[in-house]
Amino acid sequence: MSILYGAPPQRIPEPHYQLWDVTLPVQPGLPVWPGDPPVEMESAASILQGDSCNVTTYRMSSHTGTHLDPPRHFFPDGAPLDALPLSLLIGLCYVADLSSEMEESRRITPDLLDGAGIPPETSRLLLKTPNSRLWENPCHAFEPNFIDLSPDGARWVIERGIRLIGIDYLSIEGPHDPSCPVHRSLLSAPVVILEGLDLREVSGGAYHLVCLPLRAMNGDGAPARALLLREG
């Protein structure tokens, strides 16, 4: 038997994916939740100033831009960010496009979710609403009257076994009820919350979600890079 060296490796065709980056750009002027620190980016070292490299100091909240809320966000003994399984953050998801349904209502209710064609086996659900239009100007002033999920909508999500819920503004819940029933209901289920998505270029339907937050130990949240992929 002879052994041939230098034979070209067998090439396995790679599947072609369409890819959408649905992450907000972190930059000064990005709106933040009222009371959270604004995004600050300050030069700590600069080649133009005679340093050997460029280094930037960032100051921002753990809930800046596109970010994840784990149970620790609202419960002292809740699971922190670094305890979330990656299998929860990567996999099939469904984008429910509610853009045309939300012109009158400002809250996502069970009736709207029932009519959104969400497959019964969905475990990761992203909600696209007119909120996404706000990101045409990523440095707009915080909009307190954004479209959010109602408390009974949160119960709908829990009852259907959804494990991750995402929305296209800085919170799944508006600032009008300080008791935060939507967050508390979802995170105690537990349902992980993905907030601050930019879904302008995404149509409704099935995708693969890849969502990788900073690995913040014992974190109550962290910015994340969120991607949607679809074969074709």
Protein backbone atom coordinates (compact mmCIF):
# COMPACT_ATOMS: atom_id res chain seq x y z
CA MET A 1 0.00 0.00 0.00
CA SER A 2 1.38 3.39 -0.92
CA ILE A 3 0.74 6.59 0.94
CA LEU A 4 0.43 9.73 -1.12
CA TYR A 5 1.65 12.93 0.51
CA GLY A 6 0.55 16.35 -0.53
CA ALA A 7 -2.80 15.24 -1.94
CA PRO A 8 -5.25 18.16 -1.96
CA PRO A 9 -7.70 18.01 0.95
CA GLN A 10 -11.29 17.13 0.18
CA ARG A 11 -13.34 20.31 0.05
CA ILE A 12 -16.71 20.14 1.73
CA PRO A 13 -19.10 22.72 0.30
CA GLU A 14 -20.09 25.27 2.89
CA PRO A 15 -23.76 26.25 3.11
CA HIS A 16 -24.54 29.78 2.00
CA TYR A 17 -26.11 31.95 4.67
CA GLN A 18 -27.82 35.27 4.54
CA LEU A 19 -26.79 37.19 7.63
CA TRP A 20 -28.32 40.16 9.43
CA ASP A 21 -26.52 41.98 12.22
CA VAL A 22 -29.36 43.19 14.45
CA THR A 23 -27.03 44.78 17.03
CA LEU A 24 -27.14 48.47 17.86
CA PRO A 25 -23.83 50.33 17.44
CA VAL A 26 -22.40 51.31 20.82
CA GLN A 27 -21.50 54.97 20.59
CA PRO A 28 -21.86 58.22 22.53
CA GLY A 29 -25.37 59.57 22.11
CA LEU A 30 -27.02 56.13 22.01
CA PRO A 31 -30.20 56.42 24.09
CA VAL A 32 -30.11 54.73 27.49
CA TRP A 33 -32.71 53.85 30.07
CA PRO A 34 -33.54 56.89 32.24
CA GLY A 35 -31.09 57.02 35.13
CA ASP A 36 -28.48 54.78 33.49
CA PRO A 37 -25.09 56.30 32.69
CA PRO A 38 -24.66 57.54 29.13
CA VAL A 39 -22.19 55.85 26.83
CA GLU A 40 -18.75 57.43 27.15
CA MET A 41 -15.72 56.52 25.04
CA GLU A 42 -12.48 58.23 26.06
CA SER A 43 -9.02 57.79 24.63
CA ALA A 44 -6.64 56.24 27.16
CA ALA A 45 -3.75 55.99 24.70
CA SER A 46 -3.36 57.47 21.22
CA ILE A 47 -0.83 56.91 18.47
CA LEU A 48 -1.40 60.50 17.35
CA GLN A 49 -0.38 61.62 20.84
CA GLY A 50 2.83 59.61 20.76
CA ASP A 51 1.65 56.34 22.32
CA SER A 52 2.53 52.98 20.79
CA CYS A 53 -1.11 51.99 20.24
CA ASN A 54 -4.70 53.15 20.53
CA VAL A 55 -6.66 52.23 23.67
CA THR A 56 -10.15 53.44 24.56
CA THR A 57 -11.87 53.55 27.93
CA TYR A 58 -15.57 52.68 27.81
CA ARG A 59 -18.12 53.68 30.43
CA MET A 60 -21.65 52.38 30.14
CA SER A 61 -24.38 50.40 31.86
CA SER A 62 -24.58 46.62 31.71
CA HIS A 63 -27.90 47.21 29.93
CA THR A 64 -26.62 49.39 27.10
CA GLY A 65 -27.82 48.97 23.52
CA THR A 66 -28.44 45.39 22.47
CA HIS A 67 -28.21 43.42 25.71
CA LEU A 68 -29.44 40.44 27.67
CA ASP A 69 -31.43 40.41 30.92
CA PRO A 70 -30.87 37.23 32.98
CA PRO A 71 -32.89 36.49 36.15
CA ARG A 72 -30.18 38.19 38.28
CA HIS A 73 -31.36 41.53 36.83
CA PHE A 74 -34.42 41.51 39.11
CA PHE A 75 -33.76 38.75 41.64
CA PRO A 76 -30.71 38.72 43.95
CA ASP A 77 -30.62 34.91 43.91
CA GLY A 78 -31.50 34.63 40.22
CA ALA A 79 -29.22 33.00 37.67
CA PRO A 80 -26.48 35.43 36.56
CA LEU A 81 -25.43 36.06 33.00
CA ASP A 82 -22.49 33.63 33.03
CA ALA A 83 -24.79 30.78 34.14
CA LEU A 84 -26.95 30.99 31.02
CA PRO A 85 -26.37 28.00 28.72
CA LEU A 86 -25.04 28.96 25.30
CA SER A 87 -27.53 26.50 23.81
CA LEU A 88 -30.25 28.92 24.90
CA LEU A 89 -28.63 31.81 23.05
CA ILE A 90 -27.87 30.00 19.78
CA GLY A 91 -30.47 28.20 17.71
CA LEU A 92 -33.72 28.45 15.83
CA CYS A 93 -35.86 31.51 16.48
CA TYR A 94 -38.96 33.11 15.04
CA VAL A 95 -39.34 36.81 14.22
CA ALA A 96 -42.95 37.90 14.64
CA ASP A 97 -43.46 40.99 12.48
CA LEU A 98 -46.11 43.06 14.25
CA SER A 99 -45.24 46.29 12.43
CA SER A 100 -48.53 46.62 10.60
CA GLU A 101 -50.59 45.51 13.60
CA MET A 102 -49.29 48.09 16.06
CA GLU A 103 -50.36 51.37 14.51
CA GLU A 104 -53.20 51.78 17.01
CA SER A 105 -52.15 49.68 20.00
CA ARG A 106 -49.00 50.49 21.99
CA ARG A 107 -48.88 47.16 23.83
CA ILE A 108 -48.33 43.63 22.59
CA THR A 109 -51.23 41.56 23.88
CA PRO A 110 -52.16 37.86 23.65
CA ASP A 111 -54.60 38.63 20.83
CA LEU A 112 -51.80 40.14 18.73
CA LEU A 113 -49.50 37.22 19.51
CA ASP A 114 -52.23 34.68 18.64
CA GLY A 115 -52.60 36.31 15.22
CA ALA A 116 -48.87 36.53 14.46
CA GLY A 117 -48.47 33.01 13.04
CA ILE A 118 -45.93 31.98 15.68
CA PRO A 119 -45.20 28.24 15.31
CA PRO A 120 -46.23 26.26 18.41
CA GLU A 121 -42.74 24.78 18.84
CA THR A 122 -41.07 28.22 19.06
CA SER A 123 -38.64 28.54 21.98
CA ARG A 124 -36.94 31.81 20.93
CA LEU A 125 -39.20 34.66 19.85
CA LEU A 126 -38.20 38.11 18.60
CA LEU A 127 -40.84 40.85 18.32
CA LYS A 128 -40.54 43.34 15.46
CA THR A 129 -42.65 46.46 15.94
CA PRO A 130 -42.68 50.10 14.76
CA ASN A 131 -40.02 50.62 17.46
CA SER A 132 -37.44 49.54 14.87
CA ARG A 133 -38.03 52.73 12.90
CA LEU A 134 -36.58 54.70 15.80
CA TRP A 135 -33.16 53.21 14.99
CA GLU A 136 -33.04 55.12 11.70
CA ASN A 137 -31.43 57.68 14.00
CA PRO A 138 -29.42 55.59 16.46
CA CYS A 139 -28.71 58.65 18.63
CA HIS A 140 -32.30 59.81 19.10
CA ALA A 141 -33.62 61.01 22.45
CA PHE A 142 -35.04 58.21 24.59
CA GLU A 143 -38.65 57.50 23.58
CA PRO A 144 -40.70 56.66 26.71
CA ASN A 145 -43.83 55.70 24.74
CA PHE A 146 -42.28 52.79 22.89
CA ILE A 147 -44.29 49.66 22.15
CA ASP A 148 -43.86 47.02 24.86
CA LEU A 149 -45.20 43.67 26.02
CA SER A 150 -48.27 43.70 28.25
CA PRO A 151 -48.37 41.65 31.49
CA ASP A 152 -50.87 39.22 29.98
CA GLY A 153 -48.64 39.06 26.90
CA ALA A 154 -45.82 37.97 29.21
CA ARG A 155 -48.04 35.22 30.58
CA TRP A 156 -48.76 34.13 27.00
CA VAL A 157 -45.02 33.82 26.37
CA ILE A 158 -44.50 31.75 29.53
CA GLU A 159 -47.47 29.45 28.93
CA ARG A 160 -46.17 28.55 25.47
CA GLY A 161 -42.80 27.44 26.78
CA ILE A 162 -40.78 30.23 25.13
CA ARG A 163 -37.32 30.44 26.73
CA LEU A 164 -35.99 33.65 25.14
CA ILE A 165 -37.97 36.74 24.16
CA GLY A 166 -36.54 39.72 22.29
CA ILE A 167 -37.83 43.15 21.32
CA ASP A 168 -36.68 46.10 19.22
CA TYR A 169 -36.33 48.77 21.90
CA LEU A 170 -34.30 49.16 25.08
CA SER A 171 -36.76 47.26 27.25
CA ILE A 172 -39.47 44.63 26.95
CA GLU A 173 -41.50 46.82 29.33
CA GLY A 174 -42.32 50.52 29.41
CA PRO A 175 -41.27 52.84 32.25
CA HIS A 176 -44.80 53.47 33.50
CA ASP A 177 -45.10 50.80 36.24
CA PRO A 178 -42.23 50.86 38.76
CA SER A 179 -43.12 47.36 39.99
CA CYS A 180 -41.98 45.98 36.57
CA PRO A 181 -44.50 43.10 36.40
CA VAL A 182 -43.43 42.02 32.89
CA HIS A 183 -39.75 41.65 33.79
CA ARG A 184 -40.52 39.91 37.06
CA SER A 185 -42.96 37.50 35.46
CA LEU A 186 -40.67 36.56 32.59
CA LEU A 187 -37.42 36.30 34.54
CA SER A 188 -38.99 34.22 37.31
CA ALA A 189 -40.28 31.68 34.75
CA PRO A 190 -37.36 31.88 33.75
CA VAL A 191 -37.45 33.48 30.30
CA VAL A 192 -34.28 35.31 29.22
CA ILE A 193 -34.92 38.78 27.74
CA LEU A 194 -33.02 40.17 24.74
CA GLU A 195 -33.52 43.93 24.39
CA GLY A 196 -32.35 46.67 22.05
CA LEU A 197 -32.61 44.83 18.72
CA ASP A 198 -32.55 46.63 15.38
CA LEU A 199 -34.94 44.63 13.20
CA ARG A 200 -35.49 47.18 10.42
CA GLU A 201 -34.01 44.97 7.69
CA VAL A 202 -35.53 41.72 8.91
CA SER A 203 -38.82 40.25 7.72
CA GLY A 204 -40.97 37.91 9.75
CA GLY A 205 -40.22 34.20 9.78
CA ALA A 206 -37.76 31.57 10.95
CA TYR A 207 -34.03 32.25 11.46
CA HIS A 208 -31.03 31.00 13.35
CA LEU A 209 -30.14 33.30 16.23
CA VAL A 210 -26.59 33.77 17.47
CA CYS A 211 -26.49 35.98 20.55
CA LEU A 212 -23.20 36.25 22.46
CA PRO A 213 -23.07 38.60 25.47
CA LEU A 214 -19.94 39.60 27.31
CA ARG A 215 -19.01 36.83 29.73
CA ALA A 216 -19.61 38.99 32.80
CA MET A 217 -19.20 36.91 35.93
CA ASN A 218 -22.27 37.11 38.20
CA GLY A 219 -23.62 39.67 35.75
CA ASP A 220 -27.10 41.19 35.93
CA GLY A 221 -26.84 41.79 32.17
CA ALA A 222 -24.37 42.68 29.44
CA PRO A 223 -24.20 44.06 25.92
CA ALA A 224 -24.43 41.35 23.26
CA ARG A 225 -23.72 40.87 19.57
CA ALA A 226 -26.88 39.47 17.99
CA LEU A 227 -27.00 37.93 14.52
CA LEU A 228 -29.75 36.31 12.50
CA LEU A 229 -28.90 33.74 9.83
CA ARG A 230 -30.93 31.98 7.18
CA GLU A 231 -29.80 29.47 4.58
CA GLY A 232 -30.21 30.46 0.98
